[in-house]
N, C-alpha and C. Protein backbone atom coordinates (compact mmCIF):
# COMPACT_ATOMS: atom_id res chain seq x y z
N UNK A 1 19.78 28.38 29.06
CA UNK A 1 21.20 28.12 28.92
C UNK A 1 21.77 29.02 27.83
N UNK A 2 22.99 29.48 28.04
CA UNK A 2 23.67 30.32 27.06
C UNK A 2 24.71 29.50 26.30
N UNK A 3 25.10 30.04 25.14
CA UNK A 3 26.14 29.41 24.31
C UNK A 3 27.14 30.49 23.92
N UNK A 4 28.14 30.09 23.17
CA UNK A 4 29.14 31.07 22.70
C UNK A 4 28.51 32.17 21.86
N UNK A 5 27.37 31.90 21.25
CA UNK A 5 26.67 32.92 20.46
C UNK A 5 26.20 34.08 21.33
N UNK A 6 26.10 33.88 22.64
CA UNK A 6 25.64 34.93 23.56
C UNK A 6 26.77 35.78 24.14
N UNK A 7 28.00 35.50 23.78
CA UNK A 7 29.13 36.27 24.31
C UNK A 7 28.96 37.75 23.98
N UNK A 8 29.17 38.58 24.99
CA UNK A 8 29.02 40.03 24.85
C UNK A 8 27.63 40.52 25.22
N UNK A 9 26.71 39.62 25.47
CA UNK A 9 25.34 39.99 25.82
C UNK A 9 25.14 40.03 27.33
N UNK A 10 24.13 40.76 27.73
CA UNK A 10 23.74 40.82 29.13
C UNK A 10 23.01 39.53 29.49
N UNK A 11 23.43 38.91 30.59
CA UNK A 11 22.83 37.65 31.04
C UNK A 11 22.56 37.71 32.54
N UNK A 12 21.78 36.75 33.01
CA UNK A 12 21.44 36.68 34.43
C UNK A 12 21.67 35.25 34.90
N UNK A 13 22.32 35.10 36.06
CA UNK A 13 22.52 33.76 36.60
C UNK A 13 21.34 33.36 37.48
N UNK A 14 21.36 32.15 37.98
CA UNK A 14 20.25 31.60 38.75
C UNK A 14 19.95 32.41 40.00
N UNK A 15 20.96 33.09 40.56
CA UNK A 15 20.75 33.88 41.78
C UNK A 15 20.17 35.26 41.50
N UNK A 16 20.05 35.62 40.20
CA UNK A 16 19.52 36.92 39.83
C UNK A 16 20.59 37.95 39.51
N UNK A 17 21.83 37.57 39.67
CA UNK A 17 22.94 38.49 39.39
C UNK A 17 23.07 38.68 37.88
N UNK A 18 23.20 39.94 37.45
CA UNK A 18 23.28 40.27 36.02
C UNK A 18 24.70 40.66 35.66
N UNK A 19 25.15 40.21 34.50
CA UNK A 19 26.49 40.55 34.02
C UNK A 19 26.59 40.34 32.52
N UNK A 20 27.78 40.53 32.01
CA UNK A 20 28.07 40.33 30.59
C UNK A 20 28.78 39.00 30.44
N UNK A 21 28.30 38.18 29.50
CA UNK A 21 28.93 36.89 29.24
C UNK A 21 30.21 37.12 28.45
N UNK A 22 31.34 36.63 28.97
CA UNK A 22 32.63 36.81 28.31
C UNK A 22 33.17 35.55 27.67
N UNK A 23 32.76 34.39 28.14
CA UNK A 23 33.24 33.14 27.55
C UNK A 23 32.37 31.98 28.03
N UNK A 24 32.33 30.94 27.20
CA UNK A 24 31.74 29.67 27.58
C UNK A 24 32.75 28.60 27.19
N UNK A 25 33.25 27.88 28.18
CA UNK A 25 34.25 26.84 27.92
C UNK A 25 33.62 25.50 28.30
N UNK A 26 33.46 24.59 27.32
CA UNK A 26 32.76 23.33 27.60
C UNK A 26 33.53 22.36 28.48
N UNK A 27 34.86 22.49 28.54
CA UNK A 27 35.66 21.52 29.31
C UNK A 27 36.67 22.23 30.21
N UNK A 28 36.19 23.20 30.97
CA UNK A 28 37.05 24.00 31.84
C UNK A 28 37.48 23.21 33.07
N UNK A 29 38.75 23.35 33.43
CA UNK A 29 39.29 22.81 34.68
C UNK A 29 39.79 23.99 35.50
N UNK A 30 39.30 24.16 36.70
CA UNK A 30 39.67 25.28 37.56
C UNK A 30 41.11 25.10 38.06
N UNK A 31 42.03 26.00 37.67
CA UNK A 31 43.42 25.87 38.12
C UNK A 31 43.60 26.10 39.62
N UNK A 32 42.60 26.66 40.29
CA UNK A 32 42.68 26.86 41.73
C UNK A 32 42.50 25.55 42.50
N UNK A 33 41.93 24.55 41.85
CA UNK A 33 41.76 23.24 42.48
C UNK A 33 43.05 22.45 42.34
N UNK A 34 43.34 21.62 43.32
CA UNK A 34 44.55 20.79 43.23
C UNK A 34 44.39 19.80 42.08
N UNK A 35 45.49 19.42 41.43
CA UNK A 35 45.40 18.56 40.24
C UNK A 35 44.57 17.29 40.44
N UNK A 36 44.63 16.67 41.59
CA UNK A 36 43.85 15.47 41.82
C UNK A 36 42.36 15.71 41.99
N UNK A 37 41.97 16.97 42.22
CA UNK A 37 40.57 17.33 42.45
C UNK A 37 39.91 17.96 41.22
N UNK A 38 40.67 18.23 40.19
CA UNK A 38 40.13 18.92 39.01
C UNK A 38 39.22 18.01 38.19
N UNK A 39 38.13 18.60 37.72
CA UNK A 39 37.19 17.89 36.85
C UNK A 39 36.81 18.83 35.72
N UNK A 40 36.77 18.31 34.51
CA UNK A 40 36.33 19.12 33.37
C UNK A 40 34.82 19.30 33.47
N UNK A 41 34.39 20.55 33.30
CA UNK A 41 32.96 20.84 33.34
C UNK A 41 32.67 22.09 32.52
N UNK A 42 31.48 22.19 31.95
CA UNK A 42 31.13 23.40 31.20
C UNK A 42 31.04 24.59 32.16
N UNK A 43 31.61 25.72 31.74
CA UNK A 43 31.67 26.89 32.61
C UNK A 43 31.42 28.16 31.80
N UNK A 44 30.58 29.04 32.34
CA UNK A 44 30.34 30.36 31.75
C UNK A 44 31.06 31.39 32.61
N UNK A 45 31.70 32.36 31.96
CA UNK A 45 32.45 33.42 32.64
C UNK A 45 31.67 34.72 32.48
N UNK A 46 31.25 35.31 33.60
CA UNK A 46 30.46 36.53 33.60
C UNK A 46 31.19 37.64 34.34
N UNK A 47 30.95 38.88 33.90
CA UNK A 47 31.51 40.06 34.59
C UNK A 47 30.39 41.07 34.80
N UNK A 48 30.46 41.81 35.90
CA UNK A 48 29.46 42.85 36.13
C UNK A 48 29.47 43.86 34.98
N UNK A 49 28.30 44.39 34.65
CA UNK A 49 28.18 45.33 33.52
C UNK A 49 29.07 46.55 33.68
N UNK A 50 29.23 47.07 34.88
CA UNK A 50 30.04 48.26 35.09
C UNK A 50 31.49 47.97 35.41
N UNK A 51 31.89 46.71 35.27
CA UNK A 51 33.24 46.31 35.63
C UNK A 51 33.25 45.66 37.00
N UNK A 52 34.29 44.96 37.29
CA UNK A 52 34.39 44.29 38.57
C UNK A 52 34.92 42.88 38.41
N UNK A 53 34.77 42.09 39.45
CA UNK A 53 35.34 40.75 39.47
C UNK A 53 34.45 39.75 38.72
N UNK A 54 35.10 39.00 37.85
CA UNK A 54 34.44 37.96 37.08
C UNK A 54 33.98 36.83 38.01
N UNK A 55 32.87 36.18 37.64
CA UNK A 55 32.44 35.00 38.38
C UNK A 55 32.09 33.89 37.40
N UNK A 56 32.17 32.66 37.87
CA UNK A 56 31.98 31.49 37.03
C UNK A 56 30.73 30.73 37.47
N UNK A 57 29.96 30.28 36.49
CA UNK A 57 28.76 29.50 36.76
C UNK A 57 28.56 28.48 35.65
N UNK A 58 27.81 27.41 35.90
CA UNK A 58 27.47 26.49 34.82
C UNK A 58 26.60 27.21 33.78
N UNK A 59 26.83 26.99 32.49
CA UNK A 59 26.01 27.64 31.47
C UNK A 59 24.52 27.34 31.63
N UNK A 60 24.18 26.20 32.19
CA UNK A 60 22.77 25.85 32.39
C UNK A 60 22.10 26.74 33.43
N UNK A 61 22.89 27.45 34.24
CA UNK A 61 22.36 28.35 35.27
C UNK A 61 22.28 29.80 34.79
N UNK A 62 22.48 30.02 33.49
CA UNK A 62 22.51 31.38 32.95
C UNK A 62 21.49 31.51 31.83
N UNK A 63 20.82 32.67 31.80
CA UNK A 63 19.88 32.97 30.72
C UNK A 63 20.08 34.40 30.27
N UNK A 64 19.60 34.71 29.08
CA UNK A 64 19.68 36.09 28.60
C UNK A 64 18.86 37.00 29.49
N UNK A 65 19.41 38.18 29.77
CA UNK A 65 18.72 39.14 30.64
C UNK A 65 17.70 39.95 29.84
């Protein structure tokens, strides 16, 4: 599992995808979900090392690469 101390480091998610950790938010609510469906949950924000689209995963599914 990663923490805010790992921000800026190379990490790998459970699927093997590698990226740079940009944020860890312990109580993130996804604004794409309708208000009645939103739940606070810990979320890690990763981006591909060479740039690209960010993806979100639970911090427990991420480890240092």
